Amino acid sequence: CKSRDEAEKYLASHSEDIKNTTEKVIAAEGYDYGVTVSLSE
């Protein structure tokens, strides 16, 4: 990413991947916590 705008767009477009990755880690450790991912102030 070459700018903050570019980084923001990249993160926004990968929010579902971030959530899925987090859920996999939680499940692998034997927990069932919910996950919330947001890009906000």
PDB file of all heavy atoms in Angstrom:
ATOM      1  N   CYS A   1       0.849  -1.205   0.000  1.00  0.00           N
ATOM      2  CA  CYS A   1       0.000   0.000   0.000  1.00  0.00           C
ATOM      3  C   CYS A   1       0.881   1.250   0.000  1.00  0.00           C
ATOM      4  O   CYS A   1       1.786   1.380   0.825  1.00  0.00           O
ATOM      5  CB  CYS A   1      -0.915   0.005   1.215  1.00  0.00           C
ATOM      6  SG  CYS A   1      -2.220  -1.241   1.161  1.00  0.00           S
ATOM      7  N   LYS A   2       0.588   2.167  -0.907  1.00  0.00           N
ATOM      8  CA  LYS A   2       1.412   3.361  -1.073  1.00  0.00           C
ATOM      9  C   LYS A   2       0.812   4.611  -0.444  1.00  0.00           C
ATOM     10  O   LYS A   2       1.445   5.671  -0.437  1.00  0.00           O
ATOM     11  CB  LYS A   2       1.664   3.619  -2.566  1.00  0.00           C
ATOM     12  CG  LYS A   2       2.283   2.444  -3.304  1.00  0.00           C
ATOM     13  CD  LYS A   2       3.609   2.035  -2.688  1.00  0.00           C
ATOM     14  CE  LYS A   2       4.244   0.872  -3.461  1.00  0.00           C
ATOM     15  NZ  LYS A   2       5.495   0.385  -2.819  1.00  0.00           N
ATOM     16  N   SER A   3      -0.392   4.525   0.093  1.00  0.00           N
ATOM     17  CA  SER A   3      -1.036   5.667   0.728  1.00  0.00           C
ATOM     18  C   SER A   3      -2.033   5.185   1.761  1.00  0.00           C
ATOM     19  O   SER A   3      -2.410   4.003   1.762  1.00  0.00           O
ATOM     20  CB  SER A   3      -1.761   6.530  -0.315  1.00  0.00           C
ATOM     21  OG  SER A   3      -2.892   5.842  -0.825  1.00  0.00           O
ATOM     22  N   ARG A   4      -2.478   6.104   2.622  1.00  0.00           N
ATOM     23  CA  ARG A   4      -3.455   5.691   3.615  1.00  0.00           C
ATOM     24  C   ARG A   4      -4.776   5.312   2.968  1.00  0.00           C
ATOM     25  O   ARG A   4      -5.434   4.354   3.383  1.00  0.00           O
ATOM     26  CB  ARG A   4      -3.702   6.784   4.653  1.00  0.00           C
ATOM     27  CG  ARG A   4      -4.339   6.221   5.919  1.00  0.00           C
ATOM     28  CD  ARG A   4      -4.854   7.280   6.858  1.00  0.00           C
ATOM     29  NE  ARG A   4      -6.204   7.689   6.527  1.00  0.00           N
ATOM     30  CZ  ARG A   4      -7.094   8.103   7.416  1.00  0.00           C
ATOM     31  NH1 ARG A   4      -6.776   8.169   8.688  1.00  0.00           N
ATOM     32  NH2 ARG A   4      -8.295   8.473   7.050  1.00  0.00           N
ATOM     33  N   ASP A   5      -5.172   6.044   1.941  1.00  0.00           N
ATOM     34  CA  ASP A   5      -6.420   5.723   1.235  1.00  0.00           C
ATOM     35  C   ASP A   5      -6.357   4.312   0.657  1.00  0.00           C
ATOM     36  O   ASP A   5      -7.326   3.551   0.734  1.00  0.00           O
ATOM     37  CB  ASP A   5      -6.690   6.736   0.126  1.00  0.00           C
ATOM     38  CG  ASP A   5      -7.165   8.068   0.675  1.00  0.00           C
ATOM     39  OD1 ASP A   5      -7.567   8.116   1.857  1.00  0.00           O
ATOM     40  OD2 ASP A   5      -7.134   9.059  -0.076  1.00  0.00           O
ATOM     41  N   GLU A   6      -5.212   3.991   0.065  1.00  0.00           N
ATOM     42  CA  GLU A   6      -5.036   2.660  -0.514  1.00  0.00           C
ATOM     43  C   GLU A   6      -5.083   1.594   0.576  1.00  0.00           C
ATOM     44  O   GLU A   6      -5.699   0.531   0.399  1.00  0.00           O
ATOM     45  CB  GLU A   6      -3.705   2.607  -1.260  1.00  0.00           C
ATOM     46  CG  GLU A   6      -3.512   1.355  -2.100  1.00  0.00           C
ATOM     47  CD  GLU A   6      -2.235   1.401  -2.919  1.00  0.00           C
ATOM     48  OE1 GLU A   6      -1.843   2.512  -3.346  1.00  0.00           O
ATOM     49  OE2 GLU A   6      -1.640   0.320  -3.121  1.00  0.00           O
ATOM     50  N   ALA A   7      -4.465   1.886   1.722  1.00  0.00           N
ATOM     51  CA  ALA A   7      -4.468   0.938   2.835  1.00  0.00           C
ATOM     52  C   ALA A   7      -5.875   0.761   3.390  1.00  0.00           C
ATOM     53  O   ALA A   7      -6.291  -0.355   3.715  1.00  0.00           O
ATOM     54  CB  ALA A   7      -3.529   1.433   3.931  1.00  0.00           C
ATOM     55  N   GLU A   8      -6.619   1.863   3.489  1.00  0.00           N
ATOM     56  CA  GLU A   8      -7.995   1.786   3.993  1.00  0.00           C
ATOM     57  C   GLU A   8      -8.861   0.916   3.078  1.00  0.00           C
ATOM     58  O   GLU A   8      -9.644   0.078   3.555  1.00  0.00           O
ATOM     59  CB  GLU A   8      -8.584   3.189   4.098  1.00  0.00           C
ATOM     60  CG  GLU A   8      -9.998   3.215   4.640  1.00  0.00           C
ATOM     61  CD  GLU A   8     -10.557   4.621   4.767  1.00  0.00           C
ATOM     62  OE1 GLU A   8      -9.816   5.590   4.529  1.00  0.00           O
ATOM     63  OE2 GLU A   8     -11.748   4.750   5.102  1.00  0.00           O
ATOM     64  N   LYS A   9      -8.726   1.111   1.776  1.00  0.00           N
ATOM     65  CA  LYS A   9      -9.506   0.311   0.827  1.00  0.00           C
ATOM     66  C   LYS A   9      -9.122  -1.168   0.903  1.00  0.00           C
ATOM     67  O   LYS A   9      -9.985  -2.052   0.828  1.00  0.00           O
ATOM     68  CB  LYS A   9      -9.293   0.838  -0.592  1.00  0.00           C
ATOM     69  CG  LYS A   9      -9.922   2.200  -0.833  1.00  0.00           C
ATOM     70  CD  LYS A   9      -9.596   2.722  -2.226  1.00  0.00           C
ATOM     71  CE  LYS A   9     -10.186   4.114  -2.437  1.00  0.00           C
ATOM     72  NZ  LYS A   9      -9.827   4.688  -3.758  1.00  0.00           N
ATOM     73  N   TYR A  10      -7.825  -1.419   1.061  1.00  0.00           N
ATOM     74  CA  TYR A  10      -7.362  -2.804   1.155  1.00  0.00           C
ATOM     75  C   TYR A  10      -7.958  -3.482   2.387  1.00  0.00           C
ATOM     76  O   TYR A  10      -8.477  -4.608   2.310  1.00  0.00           O
ATOM     77  CB  TYR A  10      -5.834  -2.844   1.214  1.00  0.00           C
ATOM     78  CG  TYR A  10      -5.296  -4.239   1.441  1.00  0.00           C
ATOM     79  CD1 TYR A  10      -5.163  -5.142   0.394  1.00  0.00           C
ATOM     80  CD2 TYR A  10      -4.948  -4.662   2.729  1.00  0.00           C
ATOM     81  CE1 TYR A  10      -4.704  -6.436   0.609  1.00  0.00           C
ATOM     82  CE2 TYR A  10      -4.474  -5.945   2.945  1.00  0.00           C
ATOM     83  CZ  TYR A  10      -4.361  -6.833   1.887  1.00  0.00           C
ATOM     84  OH  TYR A  10      -3.914  -8.112   2.110  1.00  0.00           O
ATOM     85  N   LEU A  11      -7.909  -2.811   3.531  1.00  0.00           N
ATOM     86  CA  LEU A  11      -8.436  -3.384   4.763  1.00  0.00           C
ATOM     87  C   LEU A  11      -9.948  -3.585   4.684  1.00  0.00           C
ATOM     88  O   LEU A  11     -10.472  -4.617   5.120  1.00  0.00           O
ATOM     89  CB  LEU A  11      -8.085  -2.488   5.952  1.00  0.00           C
ATOM     90  CG  LEU A  11      -6.600  -2.431   6.319  1.00  0.00           C
ATOM     91  CD1 LEU A  11      -6.365  -1.377   7.389  1.00  0.00           C
ATOM     92  CD2 LEU A  11      -6.104  -3.795   6.792  1.00  0.00           C
ATOM     93  N   ALA A  12     -10.646  -2.616   4.112  1.00  0.00           N
ATOM     94  CA  ALA A  12     -12.098  -2.726   3.986  1.00  0.00           C
ATOM     95  C   ALA A  12     -12.481  -3.915   3.108  1.00  0.00           C
ATOM     96  O   ALA A  12     -13.442  -4.642   3.399  1.00  0.00           O
ATOM     97  CB  ALA A  12     -12.677  -1.428   3.417  1.00  0.00           C
ATOM     98  N   SER A  13     -11.719  -4.133   2.051  1.00  0.00           N
ATOM     99  CA  SER A  13     -12.031  -5.225   1.126  1.00  0.00           C
ATOM    100  C   SER A  13     -11.656  -6.592   1.682  1.00  0.00           C
ATOM    101  O   SER A  13     -12.075  -7.624   1.145  1.00  0.00           O
ATOM    102  CB  SER A  13     -11.321  -4.997  -0.217  1.00  0.00           C
ATOM    103  OG  SER A  13      -9.921  -5.101  -0.069  1.00  0.00           O
ATOM    104  N   HIS A  14     -10.859  -6.607   2.749  1.00  0.00           N
ATOM    105  CA  HIS A  14     -10.436  -7.875   3.343  1.00  0.00           C
ATOM    106  C   HIS A  14     -11.019  -8.082   4.738  1.00  0.00           C
ATOM    107  O   HIS A  14     -10.529  -8.946   5.485  1.00  0.00           O
ATOM    108  CB  HIS A  14      -8.904  -7.951   3.406  1.00  0.00           C
ATOM    109  CG  HIS A  14      -8.271  -8.173   2.064  1.00  0.00           C
ATOM    110  ND1 HIS A  14      -8.143  -7.168   1.134  1.00  0.00           N
ATOM    111  CD2 HIS A  14      -7.753  -9.290   1.486  1.00  0.00           C
ATOM    112  CE1 HIS A  14      -7.567  -7.646   0.032  1.00  0.00           C
ATOM    113  NE2 HIS A  14      -7.328  -8.926   0.223  1.00  0.00           N
ATOM    114  N   SER A  15     -12.045  -7.338   5.093  1.00  0.00           N
ATOM    115  CA  SER A  15     -12.622  -7.471   6.438  1.00  0.00           C
ATOM    116  C   SER A  15     -13.182  -8.872   6.678  1.00  0.00           C
ATOM    117  O   SER A  15     -13.077  -9.419   7.782  1.00  0.00           O
ATOM    118  CB  SER A  15     -13.712  -6.414   6.659  1.00  0.00           C
ATOM    119  OG  SER A  15     -14.762  -6.573   5.724  1.00  0.00           O
ATOM    120  N   GLU A  16     -13.762  -9.458   5.637  1.00  0.00           N
ATOM    121  CA  GLU A  16     -14.318 -10.806   5.786  1.00  0.00           C
ATOM    122  C   GLU A  16     -13.200 -11.820   5.974  1.00  0.00           C
ATOM    123  O   GLU A  16     -13.341 -12.775   6.775  1.00  0.00           O
ATOM    124  CB  GLU A  16     -15.160 -11.167   4.566  1.00  0.00           C
ATOM    125  CG  GLU A  16     -16.102 -12.343   4.775  1.00  0.00           C
ATOM    126  CD  GLU A  16     -17.143 -12.088   5.845  1.00  0.00           C
ATOM    127  OE1 GLU A  16     -17.546 -10.919   6.030  1.00  0.00           O
ATOM    128  OE2 GLU A  16     -17.554 -13.064   6.524  1.00  0.00           O
ATOM    129  N   ASP A  17     -12.095 -11.650   5.263  1.00  0.00           N
ATOM    130  CA  ASP A  17     -10.942 -12.540   5.437  1.00  0.00           C
ATOM    131  C   ASP A  17     -10.385 -12.431   6.856  1.00  0.00           C
ATOM    132  O   ASP A  17      -9.987 -13.438   7.462  1.00  0.00           O
ATOM    133  CB  ASP A  17      -9.840 -12.195   4.436  1.00  0.00           C
ATOM    134  CG  ASP A  17     -10.239 -12.484   3.000  1.00  0.00           C
ATOM    135  OD1 ASP A  17     -11.113 -13.357   2.803  1.00  0.00           O
ATOM    136  OD2 ASP A  17      -9.695 -11.832   2.091  1.00  0.00           O
ATOM    137  N   ILE A  18     -10.351 -11.194   7.374  1.00  0.00           N
ATOM    138  CA  ILE A  18      -9.854 -10.967   8.732  1.00  0.00           C
ATOM    139  C   ILE A  18     -10.755 -11.679   9.740  1.00  0.00           C
ATOM    140  O   ILE A  18     -10.275 -12.338  10.667  1.00  0.00           O
ATOM    141  CB  ILE A  18      -9.791  -9.458   9.030  1.00  0.00           C
ATOM    142  CG1 ILE A  18      -8.760  -8.782   8.114  1.00  0.00           C
ATOM    143  CG2 ILE A  18      -9.446  -9.211  10.503  1.00  0.00           C
ATOM    144  CD1 ILE A  18      -8.801  -7.267   8.140  1.00  0.00           C
ATOM    145  N   LYS A  19     -12.051 -11.562   9.540  1.00  0.00           N
ATOM    146  CA  LYS A  19     -13.001 -12.217  10.438  1.00  0.00           C
ATOM    147  C   LYS A  19     -12.870 -13.739  10.371  1.00  0.00           C
ATOM    148  O   LYS A  19     -12.852 -14.426  11.404  1.00  0.00           O
ATOM    149  CB  LYS A  19     -14.422 -11.788  10.099  1.00  0.00           C
ATOM    150  CG  LYS A  19     -15.469 -12.360  11.045  1.00  0.00           C
ATOM    151  CD  LYS A  19     -16.868 -11.843  10.720  1.00  0.00           C
ATOM    152  CE  LYS A  19     -17.887 -12.401  11.700  1.00  0.00           C
ATOM    153  NZ  LYS A  19     -19.260 -11.926  11.425  1.00  0.00           N
ATOM    154  N   ASN A  20     -12.783 -14.262   9.152  1.00  0.00           N
ATOM    155  CA  ASN A  20     -12.655 -15.709   8.979  1.00  0.00           C
ATOM    156  C   ASN A  20     -11.381 -16.251   9.626  1.00  0.00           C
ATOM    157  O   ASN A  20     -11.389 -17.313  10.269  1.00  0.00           O
ATOM    158  CB  ASN A  20     -12.671 -16.078   7.494  1.00  0.00           C
ATOM    159  CG  ASN A  20     -14.035 -15.864   6.857  1.00  0.00           C
ATOM    160  OD1 ASN A  20     -15.059 -15.830   7.547  1.00  0.00           O
ATOM    161  ND2 ASN A  20     -14.061 -15.712   5.540  1.00  0.00           N
ATOM    162  N   THR A  21     -10.297 -15.523   9.458  1.00  0.00           N
ATOM    163  CA  THR A  21      -9.023 -15.930  10.057  1.00  0.00           C
ATOM    164  C   THR A  21      -9.119 -15.945  11.573  1.00  0.00           C
ATOM    165  O   THR A  21      -8.651 -16.887  12.234  1.00  0.00           O
ATOM    166  CB  THR A  21      -7.896 -14.970   9.616  1.00  0.00           C
ATOM    167  OG1 THR A  21      -7.701 -15.103   8.201  1.00  0.00           O
ATOM    168  CG2 THR A  21      -6.596 -15.276  10.338  1.00  0.00           C
ATOM    169  N   THR A  22      -9.744 -14.906  12.121  1.00  0.00           N
ATOM    170  CA  THR A  22      -9.915 -14.827  13.574  1.00  0.00           C
ATOM    171  C   THR A  22     -10.774 -15.975  14.094  1.00  0.00           C
ATOM    172  O   THR A  22     -10.458 -16.613  15.110  1.00  0.00           O
ATOM    173  CB  THR A  22     -10.559 -13.482  13.961  1.00  0.00           C
ATOM    174  OG1 THR A  22      -9.737 -12.410  13.490  1.00  0.00           O
ATOM    175  CG2 THR A  22     -10.718 -13.357  15.467  1.00  0.00           C
ATOM    176  N   GLU A  23     -11.844 -16.258  13.400  1.00  0.00           N
ATOM    177  CA  GLU A  23     -12.748 -17.348  13.809  1.00  0.00           C
ATOM    178  C   GLU A  23     -12.041 -18.700  13.759  1.00  0.00           C
ATOM    179  O   GLU A  23     -12.265 -19.556  14.627  1.00  0.00           O
ATOM    180  CB  GLU A  23     -13.996 -17.358  12.926  1.00  0.00           C
ATOM    181  CG  GLU A  23     -14.921 -16.176  13.194  1.00  0.00           C
ATOM    182  CD  GLU A  23     -16.090 -16.106  12.226  1.00  0.00           C
ATOM    183  OE1 GLU A  23     -15.988 -16.709  11.128  1.00  0.00           O
ATOM    184  OE2 GLU A  23     -17.084 -15.437  12.558  1.00  0.00           O
ATOM    185  N   LYS A  24     -11.177 -18.899  12.765  1.00  0.00           N
ATOM    186  CA  LYS A  24     -10.446 -20.165  12.661  1.00  0.00           C
ATOM    187  C   LYS A  24      -9.484 -20.342  13.830  1.00  0.00           C
ATOM    188  O   LYS A  24      -9.339 -21.437  14.377  1.00  0.00           O
ATOM    189  CB  LYS A  24      -9.684 -20.212  11.334  1.00  0.00           C
ATOM    190  CG  LYS A  24     -10.581 -20.432  10.124  1.00  0.00           C
ATOM    191  CD  LYS A  24      -9.763 -20.438   8.837  1.00  0.00           C
ATOM    192  CE  LYS A  24     -10.670 -20.627   7.626  1.00  0.00           C
ATOM    193  NZ  LYS A  24      -9.905 -20.595   6.350  1.00  0.00           N
ATOM    194  N   VAL A  25      -8.809 -19.258  14.202  1.00  0.00           N
ATOM    195  CA  VAL A  25      -7.888 -19.323  15.336  1.00  0.00           C
ATOM    196  C   VAL A  25      -8.648 -19.644  16.620  1.00  0.00           C
ATOM    197  O   VAL A  25      -8.234 -20.489  17.414  1.00  0.00           O
ATOM    198  CB  VAL A  25      -7.118 -17.987  15.495  1.00  0.00           C
ATOM    199  CG1 VAL A  25      -6.297 -17.993  16.785  1.00  0.00           C
ATOM    200  CG2 VAL A  25      -6.224 -17.739  14.295  1.00  0.00           C
ATOM    201  N   ILE A  26      -9.767 -18.965  16.816  1.00  0.00           N
ATOM    202  CA  ILE A  26     -10.587 -19.184  18.014  1.00  0.00           C
ATOM    203  C   ILE A  26     -11.072 -20.632  18.088  1.00  0.00           C
ATOM    204  O   ILE A  26     -10.994 -21.286  19.135  1.00  0.00           O
ATOM    205  CB  ILE A  26     -11.779 -18.210  18.026  1.00  0.00           C
ATOM    206  CG1 ILE A  26     -11.273 -16.776  18.224  1.00  0.00           C
ATOM    207  CG2 ILE A  26     -12.776 -18.578  19.121  1.00  0.00           C
ATOM    208  CD1 ILE A  26     -12.337 -15.711  18.067  1.00  0.00           C
ATOM    209  N   ALA A  27     -11.570 -21.141  16.960  1.00  0.00           N
ATOM    210  CA  ALA A  27     -12.069 -22.522  16.919  1.00  0.00           C
ATOM    211  C   ALA A  27     -10.943 -23.516  17.157  1.00  0.00           C
ATOM    212  O   ALA A  27     -11.124 -24.519  17.871  1.00  0.00           O
ATOM    213  CB  ALA A  27     -12.742 -22.789  15.575  1.00  0.00           C
ATOM    214  N   ALA A  28      -9.780 -23.254  16.570  1.00  0.00           N
ATOM    215  CA  ALA A  28      -8.644 -24.165  16.725  1.00  0.00           C
ATOM    216  C   ALA A  28      -8.181 -24.241  18.177  1.00  0.00           C
ATOM    217  O   ALA A  28      -7.632 -25.265  18.609  1.00  0.00           O
ATOM    218  CB  ALA A  28      -7.486 -23.710  15.833  1.00  0.00           C
ATOM    219  N   GLU A  29      -8.420 -23.165  18.921  1.00  0.00           N
ATOM    220  CA  GLU A  29      -8.034 -23.148  20.334  1.00  0.00           C
ATOM    221  C   GLU A  29      -9.137 -23.685  21.244  1.00  0.00           C
ATOM    222  O   GLU A  29      -8.992 -23.703  22.467  1.00  0.00           O
ATOM    223  CB  GLU A  29      -7.665 -21.715  20.744  1.00  0.00           C
ATOM    224  CG  GLU A  29      -6.430 -21.165  20.045  1.00  0.00           C
ATOM    225  CD  GLU A  29      -5.187 -21.984  20.341  1.00  0.00           C
ATOM    226  OE1 GLU A  29      -4.993 -22.338  21.524  1.00  0.00           O
ATOM    227  OE2 GLU A  29      -4.425 -22.277  19.402  1.00  0.00           O
ATOM    228  N   GLY A  30     -10.264 -24.098  20.632  1.00  0.00           N
ATOM    229  CA  GLY A  30     -11.323 -24.710  21.405  1.00  0.00           C
ATOM    230  C   GLY A  30     -12.353 -23.774  21.994  1.00  0.00           C
ATOM    231  O   GLY A  30     -13.082 -24.135  22.916  1.00  0.00           O
ATOM    232  N   TYR A  31     -12.446 -22.553  21.437  1.00  0.00           N
ATOM    233  CA  TYR A  31     -13.412 -21.582  21.942  1.00  0.00           C
ATOM    234  C   TYR A  31     -14.471 -21.286  20.873  1.00  0.00           C
ATOM    235  O   TYR A  31     -14.287 -21.612  19.686  1.00  0.00           O
ATOM    236  CB  TYR A  31     -12.706 -20.284  22.345  1.00  0.00           C
ATOM    237  CG  TYR A  31     -11.635 -20.490  23.392  1.00  0.00           C
ATOM    238  CD1 TYR A  31     -10.285 -20.479  23.041  1.00  0.00           C
ATOM    239  CD2 TYR A  31     -11.972 -20.720  24.727  1.00  0.00           C
ATOM    240  CE1 TYR A  31      -9.296 -20.677  23.995  1.00  0.00           C
ATOM    241  CE2 TYR A  31     -10.995 -20.921  25.683  1.00  0.00           C
ATOM    242  CZ  TYR A  31      -9.660 -20.902  25.313  1.00  0.00           C
ATOM    243  OH  TYR A  31      -8.678 -21.116  26.255  1.00  0.00           O
ATOM    244  N   ASP A  32     -15.545 -20.638  21.302  1.00  0.00           N
ATOM    245  CA  ASP A  32     -16.603 -20.322  20.347  1.00  0.00           C
ATOM    246  C   ASP A  32     -17.025 -18.845  20.440  1.00  0.00           C
ATOM    247  O   ASP A  32     -18.181 -18.500  20.233  1.00  0.00           O
ATOM    248  CB  ASP A  32     -17.831 -21.225  20.568  1.00  0.00           C
ATOM    249  CG  ASP A  32     -18.417 -21.061  21.965  1.00  0.00           C
ATOM    250  OD1 ASP A  32     -17.816 -20.352  22.799  1.00  0.00           O
ATOM    251  OD2 ASP A  32     -19.494 -21.637  22.217  1.00  0.00           O
ATOM    252  N   TYR A  33     -16.082 -17.977  20.759  1.00  0.00           N
ATOM    253  CA  TYR A  33     -16.380 -16.549  20.848  1.00  0.00           C
ATOM    254  C   TYR A  33     -16.847 -15.983  19.508  1.00  0.00           C
ATOM    255  O   TYR A  33     -16.355 -16.391  18.442  1.00  0.00           O
ATOM    256  CB  TYR A  33     -15.132 -15.760  21.277  1.00  0.00           C
ATOM    257  CG  TYR A  33     -14.630 -16.072  22.662  1.00  0.00           C
ATOM    258  CD1 TYR A  33     -13.285 -16.402  22.870  1.00  0.00           C
ATOM    259  CD2 TYR A  33     -15.470 -16.015  23.770  1.00  0.00           C
ATOM    260  CE1 TYR A  33     -12.802 -16.675  24.144  1.00  0.00           C
ATOM    261  CE2 TYR A  33     -14.995 -16.290  25.050  1.00  0.00           C
ATOM    262  CZ  TYR A  33     -13.667 -16.607  25.226  1.00  0.00           C
ATOM    263  OH  TYR A  33     -13.196 -16.877  26.476  1.00  0.00           O
ATOM    264  N   GLY A  34     -17.747 -15.025  19.577  1.00  0.00           N
ATOM    265  CA  GLY A  34     -18.112 -14.287  18.381  1.00  0.00           C
ATOM    266  C   GLY A  34     -17.004 -13.302  18.038  1.00  0.00           C
ATOM    267  O   GLY A  34     -16.144 -12.990  18.874  1.00  0.00           O
ATOM    268  N   VAL A  35     -17.013 -12.800  16.812  1.00  0.00           N
ATOM    269  CA  VAL A  35     -15.970 -11.879  16.347  1.00  0.00           C
ATOM    270  C   VAL A  35     -16.614 -10.683  15.651  1.00  0.00           C
ATOM    271  O   VAL A  35     -17.525 -10.851  14.844  1.00  0.00           O
ATOM    272  CB  VAL A  35     -15.010 -12.572  15.357  1.00  0.00           C
ATOM    273  CG1 VAL A  35     -13.993 -11.569  14.804  1.00  0.00           C
ATOM    274  CG2 VAL A  35     -14.312 -13.744  16.020  1.00  0.00           C
ATOM    275  N   THR A  36     -16.141  -9.514  15.974  1.00  0.00           N
ATOM    276  CA  THR A  36     -16.574  -8.290  15.294  1.00  0.00           C
ATOM    277  C   THR A  36     -15.357  -7.607  14.687  1.00  0.00           C
ATOM    278  O   THR A  36     -14.363  -7.375  15.386  1.00  0.00           O
ATOM    279  CB  THR A  36     -17.268  -7.318  16.263  1.00  0.00           C
ATOM    280  OG1 THR A  36     -18.395  -7.951  16.861  1.00  0.00           O
ATOM    281  CG2 THR A  36     -17.727  -6.066  15.528  1.00  0.00           C
ATOM    282  N   VAL A  37     -15.428  -7.313  13.400  1.00  0.00           N
ATOM    283  CA  VAL A  37     -14.346  -6.610  12.703  1.00  0.00           C
ATOM    284  C   VAL A  37     -14.905  -5.312  12.146  1.00  0.00           C
ATOM    285  O   VAL A  37     -15.943  -5.309  11.476  1.00  0.00           O
ATOM    286  CB  VAL A  37     -13.769  -7.460  11.553  1.00  0.00           C
ATOM    287  CG1 VAL A  37     -12.712  -6.672  10.786  1.00  0.00           C
ATOM    288  CG2 VAL A  37     -13.171  -8.758  12.091  1.00  0.00           C
ATOM    289  N   SER A  38     -14.231  -4.212  12.439  1.00  0.00           N
ATOM    290  CA  SER A  38     -14.703  -2.924  11.923  1.00  0.00           C
ATOM    291  C   SER A  38     -13.528  -2.031  11.556  1.00  0.00           C
ATOM    292  O   SER A  38     -12.417  -2.198  12.067  1.00  0.00           O
ATOM    293  CB  SER A  38     -15.585  -2.217  12.955  1.00  0.00           C
ATOM    294  OG  SER A  38     -14.841  -1.886  14.112  1.00  0.00           O
ATOM    295  N   LEU A  39     -13.790  -1.092  10.688  1.00  0.00           N
ATOM    296  CA  LEU A  39     -12.805  -0.084  10.300  1.00  0.00           C
ATOM    297  C   LEU A  39     -13.471   1.261  10.552  1.00  0.00           C
ATOM    298  O   LEU A  39     -14.304   1.716   9.772  1.00  0.00           O
ATOM    299  CB  LEU A  39     -12.430  -0.248   8.827  1.00  0.00           C
ATOM    300  CG  LEU A  39     -11.237   0.551   8.297  1.00  0.00           C
ATOM    301  CD1 LEU A  39      -9.959   0.172   9.042  1.00  0.00           C
ATOM    302  CD2 LEU A  39     -11.061   0.325   6.798  1.00  0.00           C
ATOM    303  N   SER A  40     -13.132   1.870  11.689  1.00  0.00           N
ATOM    304  CA  SER A  40     -13.862   3.068  12.112  1.00  0.00           C
ATOM    305  C   SER A  40     -12.975   3.979  12.951  1.00  0.00           C
ATOM    306  O   SER A  40     -11.865   3.600  13.346  1.00  0.00           O
ATOM    307  CB  SER A  40     -15.092   2.659  12.918  1.00  0.00           C
ATOM    308  OG  SER A  40     -14.708   1.876  14.039  1.00  0.00           O
ATOM    309  N   GLU A  41     -13.467   5.191  13.218  1.00  0.00           N
ATOM    310  CA  GLU A  41     -12.745   6.137  14.054  1.00  0.00           C
ATOM    311  C   GLU A  41     -12.811   5.679  15.509  1.00  0.00           C
ATOM    312  O   GLU A  41     -13.849   5.238  15.985  1.00  0.00           O
ATOM    313  CB  GLU A  41     -13.348   7.537  13.926  1.00  0.00           C
ATOM    314  CG  GLU A  41     -13.253   8.144  12.538  1.00  0.00           C
ATOM    315  CD  GLU A  41     -11.830   8.484  12.144  1.00  0.00           C
ATOM    316  OE1 GLU A  41     -11.012   8.801  13.058  1.00  0.00           O
ATOM    317  OE2 GLU A  41     -11.512   8.440  10.937  1.00  0.00           O
TER     318      GLU A  41
END
